[in-house]
Amino acid sequence: PSLAHLRFSSSNGLVTETSHICTGVLIDRRAVLTAASCLTKDPIVYLAAHREEDLSSEPTERYKVKRRLIHSDYNESDKKNDIALVILDEEVQYSNYIQPACLPDPESTSQYPSSTGMEAVV
């Protein structure tokens, strides 16, 4: 339920099949975490769509972007620090189909052993 589709609108304001650019993850009522390389201009954000075919059907919701926050050290040539936040123009109403991403409790990390031997800190 936290998946976000980011798409550009065409010059006539309509979203086309070829306008899909990236995905992101809803992290709170107004913010989507995505890659900085996705944000060459303001996308339209779709929530509650798990497949491309779902973008025009219920319960998919569409949001405009108020602001883009791109990592200050993002390097377009080598894609280092390729992370950004999209701030939505209105608050998302959570439902059975739209929820923010959930992270495990930091105190219970032993329940999630790493099979790769690597750790990530959020």
C-alpha atoms as a PDB file:
ATOM      1  CA  PRO A   1       0.000   0.000   0.000  1.00  0.00           C
ATOM      2  CA  SER A   2       3.009   2.381   0.149  1.00  0.00           C
ATOM      3  CA  LEU A   3       3.988   2.100  -3.546  1.00  0.00           C
ATOM      4  CA  ALA A   4       3.900   5.363  -5.507  1.00  0.00           C
ATOM      5  CA  HIS A   5       4.032   5.687  -9.304  1.00  0.00           C
ATOM      6  CA  LEU A   6       5.617   8.920 -10.563  1.00  0.00           C
ATOM      7  CA  ARG A   7       4.662  10.073 -14.045  1.00  0.00           C
ATOM      8  CA  PHE A   8       5.121  13.176 -16.161  1.00  0.00           C
ATOM      9  CA  SER A   9       2.188  14.843 -17.835  1.00  0.00           C
ATOM     10  CA  SER A  10       2.388  15.598 -21.535  1.00  0.00           C
ATOM     11  CA  SER A  11       2.266  19.109 -22.953  1.00  0.00           C
ATOM     12  CA  ASN A  12      -1.532  18.968 -23.189  1.00  0.00           C
ATOM     13  CA  GLY A  13      -1.856  18.005 -19.518  1.00  0.00           C
ATOM     14  CA  LEU A  14      -2.817  14.386 -20.116  1.00  0.00           C
ATOM     15  CA  VAL A  15      -0.849  11.468 -18.744  1.00  0.00           C
ATOM     16  CA  THR A  16       0.186   9.056 -21.466  1.00  0.00           C
ATOM     17  CA  GLU A  17       1.232   5.417 -21.408  1.00  0.00           C
ATOM     18  CA  THR A  18       4.821   6.418 -22.123  1.00  0.00           C
ATOM     19  CA  SER A  19       5.036   8.950 -19.308  1.00  0.00           C
ATOM     20  CA  HIS A  20       5.944   6.507 -16.507  1.00  0.00           C
ATOM     21  CA  ILE A  21       9.250   7.530 -15.029  1.00  0.00           C
ATOM     22  CA  CYS A  22       9.794   5.954 -11.627  1.00  0.00           C
ATOM     23  CA  THR A  23       8.377   4.540  -8.480  1.00  0.00           C
ATOM     24  CA  GLY A  24       8.763   5.671  -4.919  1.00  0.00           C
ATOM     25  CA  VAL A  25       7.465   4.889  -1.474  1.00  0.00           C
ATOM     26  CA  LEU A  26       5.034   6.883   0.643  1.00  0.00           C
ATOM     27  CA  ILE A  27       6.719   7.692   3.965  1.00  0.00           C
ATOM     28  CA  ASP A  28       4.113   9.991   5.509  1.00  0.00           C
ATOM     29  CA  ARG A  29       0.943  11.910   4.588  1.00  0.00           C
ATOM     30  CA  ARG A  30       2.810  14.378   2.363  1.00  0.00           C
ATOM     31  CA  ALA A  31       6.131  12.814   1.357  1.00  0.00           C
ATOM     32  CA  VAL A  32       7.289  10.203  -1.156  1.00  0.00           C
ATOM     33  CA  LEU A  33      10.863   8.890  -1.132  1.00  0.00           C
ATOM     34  CA  THR A  34      12.294   8.293  -4.614  1.00  0.00           C
ATOM     35  CA  ALA A  35      15.459   8.599  -6.698  1.00  0.00           C
ATOM     36  CA  ALA A  36      16.769  12.080  -7.503  1.00  0.00           C
ATOM     37  CA  SER A  37      17.397  10.952 -11.088  1.00  0.00           C
ATOM     38  CA  CYS A  38      13.618  10.637 -11.491  1.00  0.00           C
ATOM     39  CA  LEU A  39      12.944  14.286 -10.834  1.00  0.00           C
ATOM     40  CA  THR A  40      13.923  16.214 -13.941  1.00  0.00           C
ATOM     41  CA  LYS A  41      10.575  18.004 -13.536  1.00  0.00           C
ATOM     42  CA  ASP A  42       7.527  17.710 -11.283  1.00  0.00           C
ATOM     43  CA  PRO A  43       5.781  14.353 -11.653  1.00  0.00           C
ATOM     44  CA  ILE A  44       2.190  13.433 -10.945  1.00  0.00           C
ATOM     45  CA  VAL A  45       2.082  10.908  -8.109  1.00  0.00           C
ATOM     46  CA  TYR A  46      -0.329   7.955  -8.149  1.00  0.00           C
ATOM     47  CA  LEU A  47      -1.054   5.957  -5.002  1.00  0.00           C
ATOM     48  CA  ALA A  48      -2.946   2.646  -4.562  1.00  0.00           C
ATOM     49  CA  ALA A  49      -1.974   1.460  -8.044  1.00  0.00           C
ATOM     50  CA  HIS A  50       0.049  -1.723  -7.910  1.00  0.00           C
ATOM     51  CA  ARG A  51       0.299  -2.177 -11.674  1.00  0.00           C
ATOM     52  CA  GLU A  52       0.457   0.222 -14.597  1.00  0.00           C
ATOM     53  CA  GLU A  53      -3.023  -0.922 -15.652  1.00  0.00           C
ATOM     54  CA  ASP A  54      -4.443   0.302 -12.304  1.00  0.00           C
ATOM     55  CA  LEU A  55      -3.520   3.980 -12.752  1.00  0.00           C
ATOM     56  CA  SER A  56      -6.914   5.008 -14.109  1.00  0.00           C
ATOM     57  CA  SER A  57      -9.125   2.868 -11.859  1.00  0.00           C
ATOM     58  CA  GLU A  58     -10.450   3.003  -8.302  1.00  0.00           C
ATOM     59  CA  PRO A  59      -9.085   3.226  -5.626  1.00  0.00           C
ATOM     60  CA  THR A  60      -6.061   4.930  -7.252  1.00  0.00           C
ATOM     61  CA  GLU A  61      -5.530   8.517  -6.116  1.00  0.00           C
ATOM     62  CA  ARG A  62      -3.578  11.205  -7.946  1.00  0.00           C
ATOM     63  CA  TYR A  63      -1.520  13.971  -6.303  1.00  0.00           C
ATOM     64  CA  LYS A  64       0.345  16.993  -7.580  1.00  0.00           C
ATOM     65  CA  VAL A  65       3.786  17.943  -6.319  1.00  0.00           C
ATOM     66  CA  LYS A  66       4.303  20.978  -4.114  1.00  0.00           C
ATOM     67  CA  ARG A  67       8.091  20.681  -3.852  1.00  0.00           C
ATOM     68  CA  ARG A  68      11.050  18.459  -4.751  1.00  0.00           C
ATOM     69  CA  LEU A  69      13.886  18.016  -2.268  1.00  0.00           C
ATOM     70  CA  ILE A  70      16.926  16.502  -3.968  1.00  0.00           C
ATOM     71  CA  HIS A  71      19.963  15.384  -1.928  1.00  0.00           C
ATOM     72  CA  SER A  72      22.420  18.284  -1.863  1.00  0.00           C
ATOM     73  CA  ASP A  73      25.305  15.990  -2.897  1.00  0.00           C
ATOM     74  CA  TYR A  74      23.464  14.242  -5.730  1.00  0.00           C
ATOM     75  CA  ASN A  75      25.803  13.748  -8.672  1.00  0.00           C
ATOM     76  CA  GLU A  76      23.955  13.295 -11.954  1.00  0.00           C
ATOM     77  CA  SER A  77      26.954  11.842 -13.800  1.00  0.00           C
ATOM     78  CA  ASP A  78      27.709   8.953 -11.429  1.00  0.00           C
ATOM     79  CA  LYS A  79      24.327   8.837  -9.606  1.00  0.00           C
ATOM     80  CA  LYS A  80      25.878   9.088  -6.143  1.00  0.00           C
ATOM     81  CA  ASN A  81      23.399  10.189  -3.473  1.00  0.00           C
ATOM     82  CA  ASP A  82      20.549   9.455  -5.890  1.00  0.00           C
ATOM     83  CA  ILE A  83      17.771  10.100  -3.378  1.00  0.00           C
ATOM     84  CA  ALA A  84      15.020  12.692  -3.083  1.00  0.00           C
ATOM     85  CA  LEU A  85      11.733  13.547  -1.431  1.00  0.00           C
ATOM     86  CA  VAL A  86       8.620  14.622  -3.270  1.00  0.00           C
ATOM     87  CA  ILE A  87       6.377  16.805  -1.105  1.00  0.00           C
ATOM     88  CA  LEU A  88       2.748  16.443  -2.152  1.00  0.00           C
ATOM     89  CA  ASP A  89       0.418  19.423  -2.499  1.00  0.00           C
ATOM     90  CA  GLU A  90      -2.134  17.901  -0.131  1.00  0.00           C
ATOM     91  CA  GLU A  91      -2.245  15.347   2.662  1.00  0.00           C
ATOM     92  CA  VAL A  92      -2.862  11.734   1.740  1.00  0.00           C
ATOM     93  CA  GLN A  93      -5.814  10.073   3.438  1.00  0.00           C
ATOM     94  CA  TYR A  94      -4.742   6.609   4.547  1.00  0.00           C
ATOM     95  CA  SER A  95      -6.999   3.686   3.642  1.00  0.00           C
ATOM     96  CA  ASN A  96      -6.823  -0.064   3.180  1.00  0.00           C
ATOM     97  CA  TYR A  97      -5.071   0.677  -0.137  1.00  0.00           C
ATOM     98  CA  ILE A  98      -2.793   3.574   0.875  1.00  0.00           C
ATOM     99  CA  GLN A  99      -0.443   3.370   3.862  1.00  0.00           C
ATOM    100  CA  PRO A 100       3.056   4.686   4.585  1.00  0.00           C
ATOM    101  CA  ALA A 101       6.006   2.320   4.506  1.00  0.00           C
ATOM    102  CA  CYS A 102       6.614   0.503   7.768  1.00  0.00           C
ATOM    103  CA  LEU A 103      10.036  -0.171   9.186  1.00  0.00           C
ATOM    104  CA  PRO A 104      10.800  -2.772  11.851  1.00  0.00           C
ATOM    105  CA  ASP A 105      11.244  -1.618  15.420  1.00  0.00           C
ATOM    106  CA  PRO A 106      14.960  -0.802  15.878  1.00  0.00           C
ATOM    107  CA  GLU A 107      14.939  -2.723  19.160  1.00  0.00           C
ATOM    108  CA  SER A 108      13.877  -5.923  17.383  1.00  0.00           C
ATOM    109  CA  THR A 109      16.475  -6.037  14.591  1.00  0.00           C
ATOM    110  CA  SER A 110      17.614  -9.470  15.770  1.00  0.00           C
ATOM    111  CA  GLN A 111      14.357 -10.820  14.333  1.00  0.00           C
ATOM    112  CA  TYR A 112      15.529  -9.777  10.851  1.00  0.00           C
ATOM    113  CA  PRO A 113      18.925 -11.418  10.302  1.00  0.00           C
ATOM    114  CA  SER A 114      20.925 -10.276   7.319  1.00  0.00           C
ATOM    115  CA  SER A 115      21.576 -13.027   4.820  1.00  0.00           C
ATOM    116  CA  THR A 116      24.160 -10.847   3.070  1.00  0.00           C
ATOM    117  CA  GLY A 117      26.145  -9.822   6.124  1.00  0.00           C
ATOM    118  CA  MET A 118      25.393  -6.189   5.315  1.00  0.00           C
ATOM    119  CA  GLU A 119      23.411  -3.697   7.387  1.00  0.00           C
ATOM    120  CA  ALA A 120      21.403  -0.644   6.429  1.00  0.00           C
ATOM    121  CA  VAL A 121      20.552   2.286   8.656  1.00  0.00           C
ATOM    122  CA  VAL A 122      17.478   4.370   7.936  1.00  0.00           C
END
